[in-house]
Amino acid sequence: MTQKPDQCLGEWIDREALAEAMIPLIGQLYRNNNVVTSIFGRSLINRSVISILKAHRFARHRMGDDTELSVHDSFQILKAMSELKLGTASVDLGKLVAKFKREGEGRGLEQFVREELADVAGKQSDVKRKGTDVVLYGFGRIGRLLARILVEKTGGGDGLRLRAIVVRKGADNDLVKRASLLRRDSVHGPFDGTIVVDEANNTLTINGNLVQVIYSNDPASVDYTQYGIEHALLVDNTGKWRDADGLAQHLKCPGVNRVVLTAPGKGKLKNIVHGINHGEITDDDKIISAASCTTNAIVPVLKAVNDKYGIVNGHVETVHSYTNDQNLIDNFHKGDRRGRSAALNMVITETGAATAAAKALPELAGKLTGNAIRVPTPNVSMAILNLNLEKATSREEINDYLRHMAMHSDLHKQIDYVNSQEVVSTDFVGSRHAGVVDAEATIVNDNRAVLYVWYDNEFGYSCQVVRVMEDMAGVNPPAFPR
């Protein structure tokens, strides 16, 4: 039936009103209960009315029938949650609504929510726990994005808490320049909040988080306890030290307890891809690697495909945005071809992602080769997985399977799925998933499959790093629905 203009506008106004009413409930659950809410992986924390409505519209790609998620349903779930005195949790409203429609079995929505969240209902604590101190050693592209994510996830302060940043002093006005780079980003846009610079005390107050900026050239010489930092989780973003001996220098510093490397680790260091082998992290692990952005992007998809179809062998070709390691104009570089202008050339280079994938998925050892092409874009890359499978399949079948894995499996935070003929690289800036399967680009011929996986090699990877950090610190909240 054709809708009238006034009817369309009236329905929109009603949805706006419900979204406005959701905002205080989302905020109260976050700050008072440390409950993080999302819609099919899209966070609702500190979001606008329009952002919330867009998340509901986006959900039609996940509901399976092109139906927009009802704001009324998600609002009712939030109301029910707000009355349960919940303990720490991560709750996906979109998935709860979808599960209610599948498995409600005559129960009312409030009863369904109570039963689904029974494990954390009534677990709200009146005693504020001390969060885990975090030190960022290095403040480049990944370091600044980690800062944004950590500040965004501060909540009530009982999770990961950014306490310090360690850098080499670059100028007399170094602190102001560091703050400016955090405040403004050419790729990821402006920082969502406020930053106060205190040059006298070398601190940045970022959305209420007091962060000490420490200047040092030696990773083993900083006494963090003099800044009130204890048992800290230090994240090395420099890439200068990539083996256990080099990174162990941080552990010599008073106040540091564990170290995470944001680059592929060398030697016997565990390379962790969250969602795949994070269960291997033990209390005895003082130093681990969060692997590379490309390894994080491809391994979840490779595991999903291998589990169902079996991978005989394959080749991974990465089309990767240029990085700060390359030259803007032609100049000397110790690496092959990387001395040529990154902004003007496609540059063939090596990648260790195929080899590193086997560290996270030993069953793929010796089965994959890999190479990379650096291209003149500043962010968002693509991995092309050319795979020979043990079992024949079809384009429709493997796409449907990967869509299911993106929505219903334990890899839902790592694998996303898009089915559009119009998406391009900039559409994936800010993606919080390790990789996004482009269903329209999938090619299948009997037992040969070619899959295209987009990934924000900066932000998506940083989200994976934070998930590893949460596991190391023991502050990873239970996720619902189960």
Protein backbone atom coordinates (compact mmCIF):
# COMPACT_ATOMS: atom_id res chain seq x y z
CA MET A 1 0.00 0.00 0.00
CA THR A 2 1.34 3.43 -0.95
CA GLN A 3 2.20 5.59 2.05
CA LYS A 4 1.29 9.26 2.27
CA PRO A 5 3.89 11.97 3.05
CA ASP A 6 2.38 12.85 6.42
CA GLN A 7 2.27 9.20 7.39
CA CYS A 8 5.96 8.69 6.53
CA LEU A 9 6.98 11.78 8.48
CA GLY A 10 4.81 10.83 11.44
CA GLU A 11 6.38 7.37 11.65
CA TRP A 12 9.85 8.91 11.49
CA ILE A 13 9.04 11.33 14.32
CA ASP A 14 7.76 8.42 16.44
CA ARG A 15 10.99 6.50 15.85
CA GLU A 16 13.04 9.61 16.71
CA ALA A 17 11.18 9.93 20.01
CA LEU A 18 11.90 6.31 20.92
CA ALA A 19 15.58 6.68 19.99
CA GLU A 20 15.79 9.79 22.19
CA ALA A 21 14.26 7.82 25.05
CA MET A 22 16.84 5.06 24.55
CA ILE A 23 19.83 7.36 25.05
CA PRO A 24 19.53 7.85 28.85
CA LEU A 25 18.87 4.12 29.36
CA ILE A 26 21.95 3.22 27.31
CA GLY A 27 24.05 5.71 29.30
CA GLN A 28 22.80 4.58 32.71
CA LEU A 29 23.41 0.93 31.93
CA TYR A 30 26.91 1.78 30.75
CA ARG A 31 28.02 4.02 33.61
CA ASN A 32 26.16 2.40 36.51
CA ASN A 33 26.25 -1.27 35.49
CA ASN A 34 29.17 -1.39 33.02
CA VAL A 35 26.79 -2.87 30.44
CA VAL A 36 27.81 -2.20 26.82
CA THR A 37 24.93 -2.26 24.34
CA SER A 38 25.12 -2.69 20.59
CA ILE A 39 23.07 -3.63 17.53
CA PHE A 40 24.68 -6.39 15.50
CA GLY A 41 28.11 -5.24 16.61
CA ARG A 42 27.45 -1.50 16.23
CA SER A 43 28.03 0.15 19.60
CA LEU A 44 25.26 2.38 20.97
CA ILE A 45 27.42 4.08 23.61
CA ASN A 46 27.50 7.89 23.27
CA ARG A 47 25.62 7.76 19.96
CA SER A 48 23.19 10.33 18.56
CA VAL A 49 19.52 9.77 17.73
CA ILE A 50 20.35 9.49 14.03
CA SER A 51 23.19 7.03 14.69
CA ILE A 52 20.85 4.83 16.70
CA LEU A 53 18.22 4.90 13.95
CA LYS A 54 20.85 4.11 11.32
CA ALA A 55 21.95 1.10 13.39
CA HIS A 56 18.34 -0.15 13.37
CA ARG A 57 18.17 0.34 9.60
CA PHE A 58 21.50 -1.45 9.13
CA ALA A 59 20.12 -4.44 11.02
CA ARG A 60 17.99 -5.46 8.03
CA HIS A 61 21.17 -6.91 6.50
CA ARG A 62 21.44 -9.21 9.51
CA MET A 63 17.81 -10.11 10.19
CA GLY A 64 17.66 -12.26 7.06
CA ASP A 65 14.39 -10.96 5.63
CA ASP A 66 15.31 -7.33 4.79
CA THR A 67 13.19 -6.21 7.76
CA GLU A 68 14.31 -3.12 9.65
CA LEU A 69 14.85 -3.70 13.37
CA SER A 70 11.98 -2.21 15.32
CA VAL A 71 13.00 0.67 17.59
CA HIS A 72 10.00 -0.21 19.73
CA ASP A 73 11.35 -3.73 20.34
CA SER A 74 14.85 -2.58 21.25
CA PHE A 75 13.45 0.16 23.52
CA GLN A 76 11.34 -2.39 25.39
CA ILE A 77 14.40 -4.61 25.85
CA LEU A 78 16.38 -1.67 27.24
CA LYS A 79 13.58 -0.86 29.68
CA ALA A 80 13.51 -4.45 30.89
CA MET A 81 17.31 -4.50 31.24
CA SER A 82 17.31 -1.28 33.28
CA GLU A 83 15.17 -2.95 35.95
CA LEU A 84 17.36 -6.06 36.40
CA LYS A 85 20.34 -4.51 38.29
CA LEU A 86 22.69 -6.14 35.83
CA GLY A 87 26.34 -6.87 36.39
CA THR A 88 29.05 -6.29 33.80
CA ALA A 89 27.97 -7.53 30.36
CA SER A 90 27.98 -6.92 26.62
CA VAL A 91 24.46 -7.09 25.18
CA ASP A 92 23.51 -7.05 21.50
CA LEU A 93 19.96 -5.73 21.26
CA GLY A 94 19.62 -6.70 17.60
CA LYS A 95 20.54 -10.31 18.30
CA LEU A 96 18.24 -10.40 21.33
CA VAL A 97 15.28 -9.25 19.21
CA ALA A 98 16.15 -11.80 16.49
CA LYS A 99 16.42 -14.59 19.07
CA PHE A 100 13.14 -13.55 20.69
CA LYS A 101 11.38 -13.83 17.33
CA ARG A 102 12.90 -17.28 16.75
CA GLU A 103 12.67 -18.73 20.24
CA GLY A 104 10.22 -16.59 22.23
CA GLU A 105 7.81 -19.54 22.49
CA GLY A 106 4.91 -17.57 23.89
CA ARG A 107 6.97 -15.73 26.49
CA GLY A 108 6.55 -12.01 26.92
CA LEU A 109 9.51 -9.80 26.00
CA GLU A 110 10.26 -8.91 29.63
CA GLN A 111 10.25 -12.57 30.71
CA PHE A 112 12.49 -13.47 27.77
CA VAL A 113 15.01 -10.76 28.70
CA ARG A 114 15.05 -11.84 32.36
CA GLU A 115 15.74 -15.43 31.40
CA GLU A 116 18.36 -14.56 28.77
CA LEU A 117 20.31 -12.31 31.17
CA ALA A 118 19.78 -14.42 34.29
CA ASP A 119 23.53 -15.01 34.69
CA VAL A 120 24.19 -11.31 35.33
CA ALA A 121 20.81 -10.20 36.71
CA GLY A 122 21.08 -8.83 40.25
CA LYS A 123 24.89 -8.76 40.00
CA GLN A 124 25.27 -4.97 40.04
CA SER A 125 28.03 -4.10 42.49
CA ASP A 126 27.96 -1.12 44.81
CA VAL A 127 31.74 -1.42 45.25
CA LYS A 128 33.71 0.11 42.41
CA ARG A 129 36.52 -2.19 41.31
CA LYS A 130 39.90 -0.73 40.46
CA GLY A 131 40.49 -0.87 36.74
CA THR A 132 43.61 -2.23 35.04
CA ASP A 133 46.19 0.47 34.34
CA VAL A 134 47.26 0.70 30.69
CA VAL A 135 50.42 2.30 29.30
CA LEU A 136 50.76 3.06 25.59
CA TYR A 137 54.43 2.89 24.60
CA GLY A 138 54.44 4.79 21.30
CA PHE A 139 51.71 7.11 20.07
CA GLY A 140 51.53 6.74 16.30
CA ARG A 141 48.56 5.63 14.19
CA ILE A 142 47.72 2.55 16.26
CA GLY A 143 48.59 4.16 19.60
CA ARG A 144 46.21 7.07 19.04
CA LEU A 145 43.38 4.80 17.91
CA LEU A 146 43.91 2.58 20.94
CA ALA A 147 43.64 5.72 23.08
CA ARG A 148 40.33 6.62 21.44
CA ILE A 149 38.91 3.13 21.97
CA LEU A 150 40.15 2.83 25.56
CA VAL A 151 38.69 6.21 26.50
CA GLU A 152 35.41 5.32 24.81
CA LYS A 153 35.24 2.08 26.82
CA THR A 154 36.11 3.62 30.21
CA GLY A 155 32.54 3.29 31.50
CA GLY A 156 32.50 3.18 35.28
CA GLY A 157 36.28 2.81 35.39
CA ASP A 158 36.53 -0.87 36.34
CA GLY A 159 37.92 -2.12 33.04
CA LEU A 160 40.99 -1.01 31.10
CA ARG A 161 42.09 2.50 32.12
CA LEU A 162 44.52 4.51 30.06
CA ARG A 163 47.01 5.99 32.52
CA ALA A 164 50.14 6.90 30.56
CA ILE A 165 51.66 7.46 27.12
CA VAL A 166 55.42 7.11 26.56
CA VAL A 167 57.08 8.88 23.62
CA ARG A 168 60.33 10.49 22.59
CA LYS A 169 60.18 14.25 22.89
CA GLY A 170 60.07 15.74 19.41
CA ALA A 171 59.81 19.49 20.12
CA ASP A 172 59.36 22.05 22.88
CA ASN A 173 55.61 22.08 22.18
CA ASP A 174 55.50 18.27 21.90
CA LEU A 175 52.52 17.83 24.22
CA VAL A 176 50.34 20.29 22.29
CA LYS A 177 51.21 18.58 19.02
CA ARG A 178 50.45 15.12 20.43
CA ALA A 179 47.09 16.37 21.69
CA SER A 180 46.32 17.91 18.30
CA LEU A 181 47.03 14.62 16.49
CA LEU A 182 44.68 12.83 18.88
CA ARG A 183 42.03 15.52 18.49
CA ARG A 184 42.08 15.64 14.67
CA ASP A 185 42.58 12.69 12.33
CA SER A 186 42.51 12.99 8.54
CA VAL A 187 41.15 9.45 8.13
CA HIS A 188 39.06 8.77 11.24
CA GLY A 189 37.73 12.27 11.83
CA PRO A 190 37.64 14.37 14.99
CA PHE A 191 37.94 12.88 18.45
CA ASP A 192 34.52 12.43 20.06
CA GLY A 193 35.06 14.35 23.29
CA THR A 194 37.32 16.84 25.02
CA ILE A 195 41.08 16.99 25.57
CA VAL A 196 42.67 19.30 28.14
CA VAL A 197 46.42 19.92 27.91
CA ASP A 198 48.45 20.60 31.06
CA GLU A 199 52.00 21.39 29.93
CA ALA A 200 53.20 22.12 33.47
CA ASN A 201 52.45 18.55 34.58
CA ASN A 202 52.79 16.83 31.19
CA THR A 203 49.25 15.45 31.30
CA LEU A 204 46.30 15.12 28.97
CA THR A 205 42.80 14.89 30.42
CA ILE A 206 40.83 12.95 27.83
CA ASN A 207 37.10 12.73 28.57
CA GLY A 208 37.93 12.75 32.28
CA ASN A 209 40.83 10.29 31.98
CA LEU A 210 43.99 11.84 33.44
CA VAL A 211 46.82 10.52 31.25
CA GLN A 212 50.48 11.12 32.08
CA VAL A 213 52.74 11.78 29.09
CA ILE A 214 56.23 10.43 29.80
CA TYR A 215 59.26 11.27 27.70
CA SER A 216 61.83 8.50 27.47
CA ASN A 217 64.29 6.95 25.01
CA ASP A 218 64.87 3.80 27.06
CA PRO A 219 62.14 1.17 27.61
CA ALA A 220 63.83 -0.14 30.74
CA SER A 221 64.31 3.12 32.65
CA VAL A 222 60.81 4.38 33.49
CA ASP A 223 59.49 4.08 37.03
CA TYR A 224 55.74 4.07 36.48
CA THR A 225 54.95 3.75 40.17
CA GLN A 226 55.97 7.38 40.71
CA TYR A 227 52.86 8.26 38.69
CA GLY A 228 50.65 5.96 40.74
CA ILE A 229 50.65 3.27 38.03
CA GLU A 230 50.83 -0.32 39.25
CA HIS A 231 50.49 -3.79 37.69
CA ALA A 232 50.05 -2.12 34.33
CA LEU A 233 49.45 -3.69 30.96
CA LEU A 234 51.89 -2.01 28.59
CA VAL A 235 51.18 -1.91 24.84
CA ASP A 236 54.28 -1.51 22.66
CA ASN A 237 53.22 0.25 19.45
CA THR A 238 56.71 1.05 18.19
CA GLY A 239 57.49 -2.26 16.49
CA LYS A 240 61.14 -1.67 17.37
CA TRP A 241 61.35 -4.75 19.60
CA ARG A 242 59.50 -7.83 18.38
CA ASP A 243 61.02 -10.72 20.31
CA ALA A 244 60.77 -11.74 23.96
CA ASP A 245 64.22 -10.46 24.91
CA GLY A 246 63.64 -6.98 23.48
CA LEU A 247 60.13 -6.59 24.89
CA ALA A 248 61.21 -7.92 28.29
CA GLN A 249 62.95 -4.58 28.84
CA HIS A 250 59.53 -3.16 29.72
CA LEU A 251 59.10 -5.69 32.51
CA LYS A 252 62.17 -4.26 34.24
CA CYS A 253 60.23 -1.07 34.90
CA PRO A 254 58.46 -0.77 38.28
CA GLY A 255 54.71 -0.75 37.70
CA VAL A 256 54.59 -2.90 34.53
CA ASN A 257 53.20 -6.40 34.79
CA ARG A 258 52.49 -7.56 31.21
CA VAL A 259 53.26 -6.50 27.64
CA VAL A 260 51.29 -6.65 24.37
CA LEU A 261 53.04 -6.09 21.03
CA THR A 262 51.00 -4.56 18.18
CA ALA A 263 53.02 -6.27 15.46
CA PRO A 264 53.84 -9.86 14.49
CA GLY A 265 56.02 -11.40 17.18
CA LYS A 266 59.25 -13.20 16.43
CA GLY A 267 60.70 -16.33 17.95
CA LYS A 268 58.48 -18.23 20.37
CA LEU A 269 56.17 -15.32 21.18
CA LYS A 270 52.50 -16.27 21.03
CA ASN A 271 50.77 -14.52 18.12
CA ILE A 272 47.17 -14.06 19.25
CA VAL A 273 44.26 -13.44 16.89
CA HIS A 274 41.29 -12.75 19.12
CA GLY A 275 38.39 -15.06 18.40
CA ILE A 276 40.76 -17.79 17.21
CA ASN A 277 43.41 -18.62 19.79
CA HIS A 278 42.91 -16.12 22.61
CA GLY A 279 42.10 -19.10 24.82
CA GLU A 280 45.83 -19.89 24.75
CA ILE A 281 46.60 -16.82 26.89
CA THR A 282 47.56 -17.94 30.39
CA ASP A 283 48.45 -16.15 33.60
CA ASP A 284 52.06 -17.10 32.96
CA ASP A 285 52.20 -15.18 29.66
CA LYS A 286 53.94 -11.91 30.40
CA ILE A 287 54.52 -10.95 26.75
CA ILE A 288 52.33 -11.72 23.75
CA SER A 289 51.84 -10.40 20.22
CA ALA A 290 48.49 -9.34 18.74
CA ALA A 291 49.84 -10.36 15.30
CA SER A 292 49.31 -8.07 12.28
CA CYS A 293 46.25 -6.35 10.84
CA THR A 294 46.25 -8.67 7.82
CA THR A 295 46.65 -11.81 9.92
CA ASN A 296 43.70 -10.69 12.05
CA ALA A 297 41.63 -10.03 8.92
CA ILE A 298 42.21 -13.35 7.16
CA VAL A 299 42.50 -15.94 9.94
CA PRO A 300 38.86 -15.83 11.15
CA VAL A 301 37.54 -16.26 7.59
CA LEU A 302 40.10 -18.98 6.87
CA LYS A 303 39.08 -20.84 10.03
CA ALA A 304 35.39 -20.61 9.14
CA VAL A 305 36.02 -21.92 5.62
CA ASN A 306 38.42 -24.63 6.77
CA ASP A 307 36.01 -25.89 9.43
CA LYS A 308 33.23 -26.48 6.90
CA TYR A 309 34.93 -27.14 3.58
CA GLY A 310 38.57 -27.93 4.36
CA ILE A 311 41.39 -25.97 2.73
CA VAL A 312 43.79 -27.96 0.56
CA ASN A 313 45.97 -24.97 -0.26
CA GLY A 314 45.67 -21.36 -1.35
CA HIS A 315 47.19 -17.96 -1.95
CA VAL A 316 46.52 -14.73 -0.05
CA GLU A 317 47.03 -11.49 -1.97
CA THR A 318 46.75 -8.34 0.10
CA VAL A 319 45.85 -5.01 -1.47
CA HIS A 320 47.09 -2.81 1.35
CA SER A 321 46.96 0.92 1.96
CA TYR A 322 50.34 2.58 2.21
CA THR A 323 51.87 3.02 5.64
CA ASN A 324 54.19 5.47 7.35
CA ASP A 325 57.10 3.15 6.61
CA GLN A 326 56.97 4.14 2.93
CA ASN A 327 58.23 7.36 1.33
CA LEU A 328 55.95 10.15 0.11
CA ILE A 329 58.36 10.79 -2.77
CA ASP A 330 61.15 8.65 -4.18
CA ASN A 331 63.98 8.32 -1.68
CA PHE A 332 66.32 5.72 -0.23
CA HIS A 333 64.65 2.86 1.64
CA LYS A 334 66.31 -0.31 2.85
CA GLY A 335 63.31 -2.39 1.73
CA ASP A 336 62.83 -3.51 -1.86
CA ARG A 337 60.61 -1.11 -3.89
CA ARG A 338 59.42 0.75 -0.77
CA GLY A 339 61.63 3.71 -1.59
CA ARG A 340 59.31 4.69 -4.44
CA SER A 341 56.56 7.24 -3.84
CA ALA A 342 53.69 5.66 -1.90
CA ALA A 343 51.25 8.30 -3.13
CA LEU A 344 52.01 7.67 -6.82
CA ASN A 345 52.64 3.94 -7.14
CA MET A 346 51.30 0.49 -6.55
CA VAL A 347 54.20 -1.25 -4.85
CA ILE A 348 54.67 -5.02 -4.73
CA THR A 349 56.06 -6.08 -1.37
CA GLU A 350 56.15 -9.07 0.91
CA THR A 351 53.73 -10.02 3.67
CA GLY A 352 54.21 -12.52 6.43
CA ALA A 353 50.46 -12.90 6.97
CA ALA A 354 50.18 -16.30 5.25
CA THR A 355 52.98 -17.71 7.38
CA ALA A 356 51.67 -15.99 10.52
CA ALA A 357 48.21 -17.46 9.91
CA ALA A 358 49.67 -20.90 10.62
CA LYS A 359 50.82 -19.73 14.06
CA ALA A 360 47.19 -19.04 14.97
CA LEU A 361 45.79 -21.96 12.92
CA PRO A 362 48.42 -24.74 12.91
CA GLU A 363 46.24 -26.88 10.63
CA LEU A 364 47.05 -24.44 7.79
CA ALA A 365 50.83 -24.79 8.13
CA GLY A 366 52.45 -25.08 4.71
CA LYS A 367 49.16 -24.65 2.86
CA LEU A 368 49.22 -20.91 2.10
CA THR A 369 51.42 -18.50 0.18
CA GLY A 370 51.10 -14.72 0.34
CA ASN A 371 52.13 -11.44 -1.20
CA ALA A 372 51.08 -7.80 -0.93
CA ILE A 373 50.52 -4.77 -3.12
CA ARG A 374 50.69 -1.37 -1.42
CA VAL A 375 48.30 1.08 -3.07
CA PRO A 376 47.86 4.90 -2.89
CA THR A 377 45.08 5.01 -0.27
CA PRO A 378 45.65 6.00 3.38
CA ASN A 379 43.49 3.34 5.06
CA VAL A 380 41.31 0.24 4.49
CA SER A 381 42.83 -2.77 2.79
CA MET A 382 41.59 -5.94 1.12
CA ALA A 383 42.69 -9.57 1.30
CA ILE A 384 41.90 -11.81 -1.65
CA LEU A 385 41.74 -15.45 -0.55
CA ASN A 386 42.22 -17.81 -3.51
CA LEU A 387 41.47 -21.24 -2.02
CA ASN A 388 41.31 -24.84 -3.19
CA LEU A 389 38.79 -26.69 -1.02
CA GLU A 390 38.34 -30.33 -0.07
CA LYS A 391 34.58 -30.07 -0.63
CA ALA A 392 32.84 -28.50 -3.61
CA THR A 393 30.38 -25.71 -2.93
CA SER A 394 28.52 -22.89 -4.66
CA ARG A 395 28.66 -19.11 -4.45
CA GLU A 396 25.26 -18.98 -2.78
CA GLU A 397 26.10 -21.69 -0.26
CA ILE A 398 29.43 -20.31 0.91
CA ASN A 399 28.05 -16.76 1.09
CA ASP A 400 25.08 -17.93 3.16
CA TYR A 401 27.45 -19.83 5.45
CA LEU A 402 29.73 -16.82 5.97
CA ARG A 403 26.72 -14.59 6.60
CA HIS A 404 25.60 -17.06 9.27
CA MET A 405 29.08 -17.05 10.81
CA ALA A 406 29.05 -13.24 10.91
CA MET A 407 25.77 -13.18 12.79
CA HIS A 408 25.47 -16.31 14.91
CA SER A 409 28.93 -17.77 15.55
CA ASP A 410 31.63 -17.10 18.13
CA LEU A 411 33.44 -15.19 15.37
CA HIS A 412 30.76 -12.51 15.07
CA LYS A 413 33.12 -9.82 16.41
CA GLN A 414 35.79 -10.80 13.91
CA ILE A 415 33.80 -11.50 10.73
CA ASP A 416 31.38 -9.02 9.21
CA TYR A 417 29.44 -9.47 5.97
CA VAL A 418 28.26 -7.05 3.29
CA ASN A 419 26.06 -7.74 0.29
CA SER A 420 26.13 -4.67 -1.93
CA GLN A 421 27.38 -3.98 -5.44
CA GLU A 422 28.18 -0.37 -4.56
CA VAL A 423 30.57 -0.53 -1.58
CA VAL A 424 34.14 0.76 -1.89
CA SER A 425 37.07 0.99 0.51
CA THR A 426 36.09 4.21 2.31
CA ASP A 427 32.79 2.59 3.34
CA PHE A 428 34.77 0.43 5.77
CA VAL A 429 36.64 3.20 7.60
CA GLY A 430 35.87 2.69 11.28
CA SER A 431 34.79 -0.94 10.97
CA ARG A 432 35.27 -2.67 14.32
CA HIS A 433 35.51 -6.13 12.78
CA ALA A 434 38.75 -7.83 11.85
CA GLY A 435 37.46 -8.38 8.30
CA VAL A 436 34.32 -7.89 6.19
CA VAL A 437 33.39 -10.51 3.57
CA ASP A 438 32.22 -8.89 0.31
CA ALA A 439 29.55 -11.35 -0.82
CA GLU A 440 29.01 -9.74 -4.23
CA ALA A 441 32.67 -10.34 -5.13
CA THR A 442 32.73 -14.04 -4.18
CA ILE A 443 33.72 -16.42 -6.98
CA VAL A 444 33.19 -20.18 -6.77
CA ASN A 445 33.91 -22.90 -9.30
CA ASP A 446 33.35 -26.38 -7.88
CA ASN A 447 36.02 -26.73 -5.18
CA ARG A 448 37.81 -23.46 -5.94
CA ALA A 449 36.72 -20.31 -4.11
CA VAL A 450 37.93 -16.73 -4.26
CA LEU A 451 36.85 -14.57 -1.33
CA TYR A 452 37.32 -10.82 -0.95
CA VAL A 453 37.73 -9.51 2.60
CA TRP A 454 37.82 -5.78 3.39
CA TYR A 455 39.45 -4.57 6.60
CA ASP A 456 40.21 -1.27 8.28
CA ASN A 457 43.87 -2.02 8.83
CA GLU A 458 44.03 0.67 11.53
CA PHE A 459 40.77 0.79 13.48
CA GLY A 460 39.56 -2.80 13.02
CA TYR A 461 42.97 -4.06 14.06
CA SER A 462 43.02 -1.73 17.09
CA CYS A 463 39.68 -3.19 18.19
CA GLN A 464 41.21 -6.66 18.00
CA VAL A 465 44.16 -5.48 20.10
CA VAL A 466 41.81 -4.14 22.78
CA ARG A 467 39.98 -7.49 22.88
CA VAL A 468 43.31 -9.21 23.52
CA MET A 469 44.10 -6.66 26.23
CA GLU A 470 40.74 -7.29 27.91
CA ASP A 471 41.47 -11.01 28.00
CA MET A 472 44.95 -10.48 29.44
CA ALA A 473 43.52 -8.19 32.12
CA GLY A 474 40.57 -10.47 32.84
CA VAL A 475 38.02 -7.73 32.17
CA ASN A 476 36.35 -9.18 29.06
CA PRO A 477 32.61 -9.06 29.90
CA PRO A 478 30.23 -11.97 29.18
CA ALA A 479 28.34 -11.46 25.92
CA PHE A 480 24.59 -11.89 25.42
CA PRO A 481 22.62 -13.46 23.91
CA ARG A 482 24.50 -16.69 24.37
